[in-house]
Amino acid sequence: AMGEGAGWRIPAVPMPPDTAPEDVAWATPR
């Protein structure tokens, strides 16, 4: 939050490693 989120937002963490590449591509920008 302090590094990337202006102190009040927590950027998204990575999705589980067994997530299909097409699902990662679909979910990440959302």
PDB file of all heavy atoms in Angstrom:
ATOM      1  N   ALA A   1       0.832  -1.208   0.000  1.00  0.00           N
ATOM      2  CA  ALA A   1       0.000   0.000   0.000  1.00  0.00           C
ATOM      3  C   ALA A   1       0.869   1.261   0.000  1.00  0.00           C
ATOM      4  O   ALA A   1       0.593   2.222  -0.730  1.00  0.00           O
ATOM      5  CB  ALA A   1      -0.937  -0.001   1.199  1.00  0.00           C
ATOM      6  N   MET A   2       1.922   1.265   0.791  1.00  0.00           N
ATOM      7  CA  MET A   2       2.787   2.437   0.864  1.00  0.00           C
ATOM      8  C   MET A   2       3.601   2.600  -0.413  1.00  0.00           C
ATOM      9  O   MET A   2       3.857   3.721  -0.861  1.00  0.00           O
ATOM     10  CB  MET A   2       3.720   2.311   2.075  1.00  0.00           C
ATOM     11  CG  MET A   2       3.013   2.365   3.426  1.00  0.00           C
ATOM     12  SD  MET A   2       2.004   3.865   3.645  1.00  0.00           S
ATOM     13  CE  MET A   2       3.288   5.117   3.597  1.00  0.00           C
ATOM     14  N   GLY A   3       3.987   1.482  -1.021  1.00  0.00           N
ATOM     15  CA  GLY A   3       4.849   1.558  -2.190  1.00  0.00           C
ATOM     16  C   GLY A   3       4.121   1.868  -3.482  1.00  0.00           C
ATOM     17  O   GLY A   3       4.624   2.616  -4.326  1.00  0.00           O
ATOM     18  N   GLU A   4       2.929   1.274  -3.662  1.00  0.00           N
ATOM     19  CA  GLU A   4       2.226   1.406  -4.939  1.00  0.00           C
ATOM     20  C   GLU A   4       0.817   1.972  -4.811  1.00  0.00           C
ATOM     21  O   GLU A   4       0.214   2.343  -5.822  1.00  0.00           O
ATOM     22  CB  GLU A   4       2.131   0.031  -5.614  1.00  0.00           C
ATOM     23  CG  GLU A   4       3.448  -0.695  -5.805  1.00  0.00           C
ATOM     24  CD  GLU A   4       3.234  -2.131  -6.255  1.00  0.00           C
ATOM     25  OE1 GLU A   4       2.498  -2.328  -7.249  1.00  0.00           O
ATOM     26  OE2 GLU A   4       3.765  -3.046  -5.609  1.00  0.00           O
ATOM     27  N   GLY A   5       0.289   2.023  -3.595  1.00  0.00           N
ATOM     28  CA  GLY A   5      -1.117   2.356  -3.430  1.00  0.00           C
ATOM     29  C   GLY A   5      -1.407   3.662  -2.739  1.00  0.00           C
ATOM     30  O   GLY A   5      -2.486   3.820  -2.143  1.00  0.00           O
ATOM     31  N   ALA A   6      -0.472   4.605  -2.786  1.00  0.00           N
ATOM     32  CA  ALA A   6      -0.673   5.936  -2.203  1.00  0.00           C
ATOM     33  C   ALA A   6      -1.022   5.880  -0.717  1.00  0.00           C
ATOM     34  O   ALA A   6      -1.621   6.805  -0.175  1.00  0.00           O
ATOM     35  CB  ALA A   6      -1.767   6.696  -2.971  1.00  0.00           C
ATOM     36  N   GLY A   7      -0.658   4.772  -0.075  1.00  0.00           N
ATOM     37  CA  GLY A   7      -0.874   4.637   1.359  1.00  0.00           C
ATOM     38  C   GLY A   7      -2.235   4.104   1.755  1.00  0.00           C
ATOM     39  O   GLY A   7      -2.419   3.684   2.896  1.00  0.00           O
ATOM     40  N   TRP A   8      -3.210   4.079   0.824  1.00  0.00           N
ATOM     41  CA  TRP A   8      -4.562   3.655   1.221  1.00  0.00           C
ATOM     42  C   TRP A   8      -5.131   2.540   0.360  1.00  0.00           C
ATOM     43  O   TRP A   8      -6.219   2.052   0.636  1.00  0.00           O
ATOM     44  CB  TRP A   8      -5.516   4.850   1.217  1.00  0.00           C
ATOM     45  CG  TRP A   8      -5.810   5.474  -0.118  1.00  0.00           C
ATOM     46  CD1 TRP A   8      -5.105   6.458  -0.730  1.00  0.00           C
ATOM     47  CD2 TRP A   8      -6.908   5.165  -0.995  1.00  0.00           C
ATOM     48  NE1 TRP A   8      -5.681   6.790  -1.940  1.00  0.00           N
ATOM     49  CE2 TRP A   8      -6.791   6.021  -2.120  1.00  0.00           C
ATOM     50  CE3 TRP A   8      -7.978   4.263  -0.943  1.00  0.00           C
ATOM     51  CZ2 TRP A   8      -7.693   5.988  -3.190  1.00  0.00           C
ATOM     52  CZ3 TRP A   8      -8.875   4.234  -2.012  1.00  0.00           C
ATOM     53  CH2 TRP A   8      -8.739   5.083  -3.108  1.00  0.00           C
ATOM     54  N   ARG A   9      -4.411   2.105  -0.646  1.00  0.00           N
ATOM     55  CA  ARG A   9      -4.878   1.014  -1.500  1.00  0.00           C
ATOM     56  C   ARG A   9      -3.833  -0.087  -1.552  1.00  0.00           C
ATOM     57  O   ARG A   9      -2.637   0.182  -1.665  1.00  0.00           O
ATOM     58  CB  ARG A   9      -5.149   1.520  -2.923  1.00  0.00           C
ATOM     59  CG  ARG A   9      -6.283   2.505  -3.024  1.00  0.00           C
ATOM     60  CD  ARG A   9      -6.381   3.072  -4.420  1.00  0.00           C
ATOM     61  NE  ARG A   9      -5.152   3.807  -4.788  1.00  0.00           N
ATOM     62  CZ  ARG A   9      -4.988   4.455  -5.933  1.00  0.00           C
ATOM     63  NH1 ARG A   9      -5.928   4.432  -6.861  1.00  0.00           N
ATOM     64  NH2 ARG A   9      -3.870   5.111  -6.168  1.00  0.00           N
ATOM     65  N   ILE A  10      -4.287  -1.329  -1.504  1.00  0.00           N
ATOM     66  CA  ILE A  10      -3.390  -2.480  -1.588  1.00  0.00           C
ATOM     67  C   ILE A  10      -3.519  -3.083  -2.985  1.00  0.00           C
ATOM     68  O   ILE A  10      -4.585  -3.588  -3.347  1.00  0.00           O
ATOM     69  CB  ILE A  10      -3.733  -3.541  -0.529  1.00  0.00           C
ATOM     70  CG1 ILE A  10      -3.707  -2.938   0.875  1.00  0.00           C
ATOM     71  CG2 ILE A  10      -2.764  -4.713  -0.626  1.00  0.00           C
ATOM     72  CD1 ILE A  10      -4.236  -3.866   1.941  1.00  0.00           C
ATOM     73  N   PRO A  11      -2.462  -3.042  -3.797  1.00  0.00           N
ATOM     74  CA  PRO A  11      -2.534  -3.645  -5.134  1.00  0.00           C
ATOM     75  C   PRO A  11      -2.811  -5.143  -5.051  1.00  0.00           C
ATOM     76  O   PRO A  11      -2.489  -5.808  -4.061  1.00  0.00           O
ATOM     77  CB  PRO A  11      -1.147  -3.359  -5.724  1.00  0.00           C
ATOM     78  CG  PRO A  11      -0.633  -2.182  -4.949  1.00  0.00           C
ATOM     79  CD  PRO A  11      -1.192  -2.351  -3.566  1.00  0.00           C
ATOM     80  N   ALA A  12      -3.401  -5.669  -6.102  1.00  0.00           N
ATOM     81  CA  ALA A  12      -3.791  -7.084  -6.123  1.00  0.00           C
ATOM     82  C   ALA A  12      -2.586  -8.004  -6.012  1.00  0.00           C
ATOM     83  O   ALA A  12      -1.511  -7.728  -6.561  1.00  0.00           O
ATOM     84  CB  ALA A  12      -4.556  -7.380  -7.407  1.00  0.00           C
ATOM     85  N   VAL A  13      -2.769  -9.093  -5.298  1.00  0.00           N
ATOM     86  CA  VAL A  13      -1.732 -10.120  -5.171  1.00  0.00           C
ATOM     87  C   VAL A  13      -1.860 -11.100  -6.337  1.00  0.00           C
ATOM     88  O   VAL A  13      -2.899 -11.144  -7.011  1.00  0.00           O
ATOM     89  CB  VAL A  13      -1.859 -10.873  -3.832  1.00  0.00           C
ATOM     90  CG1 VAL A  13      -1.710  -9.905  -2.659  1.00  0.00           C
ATOM     91  CG2 VAL A  13      -3.195 -11.601  -3.742  1.00  0.00           C
ATOM     92  N   PRO A  14      -0.817 -11.908  -6.613  1.00  0.00           N
ATOM     93  CA  PRO A  14      -0.901 -12.862  -7.731  1.00  0.00           C
ATOM     94  C   PRO A  14      -1.995 -13.902  -7.529  1.00  0.00           C
ATOM     95  O   PRO A  14      -2.346 -14.263  -6.406  1.00  0.00           O
ATOM     96  CB  PRO A  14       0.482 -13.514  -7.727  1.00  0.00           C
ATOM     97  CG  PRO A  14       1.375 -12.553  -7.015  1.00  0.00           C
ATOM     98  CD  PRO A  14       0.516 -11.892  -5.988  1.00  0.00           C
ATOM     99  N   MET A  15      -2.540 -14.387  -8.614  1.00  0.00           N
ATOM    100  CA  MET A  15      -3.530 -15.450  -8.575  1.00  0.00           C
ATOM    101  C   MET A  15      -2.827 -16.786  -8.327  1.00  0.00           C
ATOM    102  O   MET A  15      -1.604 -16.904  -8.540  1.00  0.00           O
ATOM    103  CB  MET A  15      -4.325 -15.469  -9.873  1.00  0.00           C
ATOM    104  CG  MET A  15      -5.086 -14.172 -10.116  1.00  0.00           C
ATOM    105  SD  MET A  15      -6.037 -14.187 -11.653  1.00  0.00           S
ATOM    106  CE  MET A  15      -7.369 -15.307 -11.209  1.00  0.00           C
ATOM    107  N   PRO A  16      -3.546 -17.821  -7.872  1.00  0.00           N
ATOM    108  CA  PRO A  16      -2.922 -19.122  -7.616  1.00  0.00           C
ATOM    109  C   PRO A  16      -2.175 -19.645  -8.843  1.00  0.00           C
ATOM    110  O   PRO A  16      -2.612 -19.434  -9.980  1.00  0.00           O
ATOM    111  CB  PRO A  16      -4.108 -20.026  -7.258  1.00  0.00           C
ATOM    112  CG  PRO A  16      -5.128 -19.092  -6.709  1.00  0.00           C
ATOM    113  CD  PRO A  16      -4.981 -17.824  -7.498  1.00  0.00           C
ATOM    114  N   PRO A  17      -1.051 -20.328  -8.625  1.00  0.00           N
ATOM    115  CA  PRO A  17      -0.212 -20.748  -9.754  1.00  0.00           C
ATOM    116  C   PRO A  17      -0.859 -21.758 -10.690  1.00  0.00           C
ATOM    117  O   PRO A  17      -0.411 -21.909 -11.828  1.00  0.00           O
ATOM    118  CB  PRO A  17       1.027 -21.341  -9.082  1.00  0.00           C
ATOM    119  CG  PRO A  17       0.608 -21.656  -7.686  1.00  0.00           C
ATOM    120  CD  PRO A  17      -0.429 -20.649  -7.325  1.00  0.00           C
ATOM    121  N   ASP A  18      -1.903 -22.453 -10.248  1.00  0.00           N
ATOM    122  CA  ASP A  18      -2.558 -23.422 -11.130  1.00  0.00           C
ATOM    123  C   ASP A  18      -3.687 -22.793 -11.941  1.00  0.00           C
ATOM    124  O   ASP A  18      -4.435 -23.500 -12.628  1.00  0.00           O
ATOM    125  CB  ASP A  18      -3.073 -24.629 -10.347  1.00  0.00           C
ATOM    126  CG  ASP A  18      -4.187 -24.273  -9.356  1.00  0.00           C
ATOM    127  OD1 ASP A  18      -4.339 -23.075  -9.032  1.00  0.00           O
ATOM    128  OD2 ASP A  18      -4.899 -25.184  -8.913  1.00  0.00           O
ATOM    129  N   THR A  19      -3.835 -21.468 -11.889  1.00  0.00           N
ATOM    130  CA  THR A  19      -4.838 -20.782 -12.699  1.00  0.00           C
ATOM    131  C   THR A  19      -4.432 -20.852 -14.170  1.00  0.00           C
ATOM    132  O   THR A  19      -3.288 -20.559 -14.520  1.00  0.00           O
ATOM    133  CB  THR A  19      -4.970 -19.312 -12.276  1.00  0.00           C
ATOM    134  OG1 THR A  19      -5.176 -19.236 -10.861  1.00  0.00           O
ATOM    135  CG2 THR A  19      -6.145 -18.649 -12.987  1.00  0.00           C
ATOM    136  N   ALA A  20      -5.353 -21.238 -15.030  1.00  0.00           N
ATOM    137  CA  ALA A  20      -5.062 -21.355 -16.457  1.00  0.00           C
ATOM    138  C   ALA A  20      -4.625 -20.003 -17.018  1.00  0.00           C
ATOM    139  O   ALA A  20      -5.160 -18.961 -16.617  1.00  0.00           O
ATOM    140  CB  ALA A  20      -6.302 -21.851 -17.201  1.00  0.00           C
ATOM    141  N   PRO A  21      -3.667 -20.001 -17.946  1.00  0.00           N
ATOM    142  CA  PRO A  21      -3.188 -18.730 -18.519  1.00  0.00           C
ATOM    143  C   PRO A  21      -4.305 -17.859 -19.078  1.00  0.00           C
ATOM    144  O   PRO A  21      -4.282 -16.627 -18.929  1.00  0.00           O
ATOM    145  CB  PRO A  21      -2.218 -19.178 -19.617  1.00  0.00           C
ATOM    146  CG  PRO A  21      -1.753 -20.529 -19.177  1.00  0.00           C
ATOM    147  CD  PRO A  21      -2.917 -21.152 -18.471  1.00  0.00           C
ATOM    148  N   GLU A  22      -5.305 -18.469 -19.705  1.00  0.00           N
ATOM    149  CA  GLU A  22      -6.382 -17.669 -20.257  1.00  0.00           C
ATOM    150  C   GLU A  22      -7.228 -17.019 -19.162  1.00  0.00           C
ATOM    151  O   GLU A  22      -7.777 -15.923 -19.353  1.00  0.00           O
ATOM    152  CB  GLU A  22      -7.275 -18.509 -21.177  1.00  0.00           C
ATOM    153  CG  GLU A  22      -7.931 -19.729 -20.533  1.00  0.00           C
ATOM    154  CD  GLU A  22      -7.098 -21.006 -20.651  1.00  0.00           C
ATOM    155  OE1 GLU A  22      -5.859 -20.912 -20.773  1.00  0.00           O
ATOM    156  OE2 GLU A  22      -7.713 -22.096 -20.619  1.00  0.00           O
ATOM    157  N   ASP A  23      -7.321 -17.679 -18.003  1.00  0.00           N
ATOM    158  CA  ASP A  23      -8.057 -17.082 -16.894  1.00  0.00           C
ATOM    159  C   ASP A  23      -7.254 -15.951 -16.254  1.00  0.00           C
ATOM    160  O   ASP A  23      -7.831 -14.940 -15.826  1.00  0.00           O
ATOM    161  CB  ASP A  23      -8.400 -18.144 -15.851  1.00  0.00           C
ATOM    162  CG  ASP A  23      -9.528 -19.062 -16.296  1.00  0.00           C
ATOM    163  OD1 ASP A  23     -10.389 -18.600 -17.069  1.00  0.00           O
ATOM    164  OD2 ASP A  23      -9.541 -20.235 -15.888  1.00  0.00           O
ATOM    165  N   VAL A  24      -5.945 -16.113 -16.182  1.00  0.00           N
ATOM    166  CA  VAL A  24      -5.101 -15.032 -15.671  1.00  0.00           C
ATOM    167  C   VAL A  24      -5.224 -13.810 -16.583  1.00  0.00           C
ATOM    168  O   VAL A  24      -5.365 -12.668 -16.120  1.00  0.00           O
ATOM    169  CB  VAL A  24      -3.630 -15.481 -15.571  1.00  0.00           C
ATOM    170  CG1 VAL A  24      -2.739 -14.309 -15.184  1.00  0.00           C
ATOM    171  CG2 VAL A  24      -3.477 -16.610 -14.550  1.00  0.00           C
ATOM    172  N   ALA A  25      -5.202 -14.052 -17.892  1.00  0.00           N
ATOM    173  CA  ALA A  25      -5.313 -12.953 -18.856  1.00  0.00           C
ATOM    174  C   ALA A  25      -6.667 -12.263 -18.755  1.00  0.00           C
ATOM    175  O   ALA A  25      -6.770 -11.042 -18.945  1.00  0.00           O
ATOM    176  CB  ALA A  25      -5.084 -13.483 -20.270  1.00  0.00           C
ATOM    177  N   TRP A  26      -7.718 -13.033 -18.469  1.00  0.00           N
ATOM    178  CA  TRP A  26      -9.064 -12.471 -18.321  1.00  0.00           C
ATOM    179  C   TRP A  26      -9.192 -11.687 -17.017  1.00  0.00           C
ATOM    180  O   TRP A  26      -9.734 -10.572 -16.997  1.00  0.00           O
ATOM    181  CB  TRP A  26     -10.071 -13.619 -18.366  1.00  0.00           C
ATOM    182  CG  TRP A  26     -11.424 -13.315 -17.791  1.00  0.00           C
ATOM    183  CD1 TRP A  26     -12.331 -12.408 -18.264  1.00  0.00           C
ATOM    184  CD2 TRP A  26     -12.024 -13.925 -16.636  1.00  0.00           C
ATOM    185  NE1 TRP A  26     -13.465 -12.427 -17.476  1.00  0.00           N
ATOM    186  CE2 TRP A  26     -13.300 -13.338 -16.483  1.00  0.00           C
ATOM    187  CE3 TRP A  26     -11.615 -14.910 -15.744  1.00  0.00           C
ATOM    188  CZ2 TRP A  26     -14.168 -13.714 -15.443  1.00  0.00           C
ATOM    189  CZ3 TRP A  26     -12.465 -15.294 -14.716  1.00  0.00           C
ATOM    190  CH2 TRP A  26     -13.729 -14.688 -14.573  1.00  0.00           C
ATOM    191  N   ALA A  27      -8.684 -12.238 -15.914  1.00  0.00           N
ATOM    192  CA  ALA A  27      -8.934 -11.659 -14.597  1.00  0.00           C
ATOM    193  C   ALA A  27      -8.011 -10.491 -14.265  1.00  0.00           C
ATOM    194  O   ALA A  27      -8.448  -9.509 -13.640  1.00  0.00           O
ATOM    195  CB  ALA A  27      -8.793 -12.738 -13.524  1.00  0.00           C
ATOM    196  N   THR A  28      -6.755 -10.572 -14.652  1.00  0.00           N
ATOM    197  CA  THR A  28      -5.770  -9.599 -14.188  1.00  0.00           C
ATOM    198  C   THR A  28      -6.164  -8.153 -14.458  1.00  0.00           C
ATOM    199  O   THR A  28      -6.100  -7.309 -13.546  1.00  0.00           O
ATOM    200  CB  THR A  28      -4.392  -9.910 -14.785  1.00  0.00           C
ATOM    201  OG1 THR A  28      -3.991 -11.222 -14.349  1.00  0.00           O
ATOM    202  CG2 THR A  28      -3.355  -8.887 -14.337  1.00  0.00           C
ATOM    203  N   PRO A  29      -6.594  -7.791 -15.666  1.00  0.00           N
ATOM    204  CA  PRO A  29      -6.937  -6.382 -15.883  1.00  0.00           C
ATOM    205  C   PRO A  29      -8.214  -5.931 -15.174  1.00  0.00           C
ATOM    206  O   PRO A  29      -8.481  -4.721 -15.100  1.00  0.00           O
ATOM    207  CB  PRO A  29      -7.103  -6.291 -17.408  1.00  0.00           C
ATOM    208  CG  PRO A  29      -7.410  -7.681 -17.853  1.00  0.00           C
ATOM    209  CD  PRO A  29      -6.670  -8.578 -16.917  1.00  0.00           C
ATOM    210  N   ARG A  30      -8.980  -6.861 -14.634  1.00  0.00           N
ATOM    211  CA  ARG A  30     -10.226  -6.523 -13.952  1.00  0.00           C
ATOM    212  C   ARG A  30     -10.048  -6.403 -12.436  1.00  0.00           C
ATOM    213  O   ARG A  30     -10.946  -5.902 -11.753  1.00  0.00           O
ATOM    214  CB  ARG A  30     -11.300  -7.571 -14.265  1.00  0.00           C
ATOM    215  CG  ARG A  30     -11.743  -7.547 -15.721  1.00  0.00           C
ATOM    216  CD  ARG A  30     -12.619  -8.735 -16.084  1.00  0.00           C
ATOM    217  NE  ARG A  30     -13.197  -8.568 -17.413  1.00  0.00           N
ATOM    218  CZ  ARG A  30     -12.553  -8.845 -18.543  1.00  0.00           C
ATOM    219  NH1 ARG A  30     -11.302  -9.317 -18.499  1.00  0.00           N
ATOM    220  NH2 ARG A  30     -13.133  -8.653 -19.718  1.00  0.00           N
TER     221      ARG A  30
END
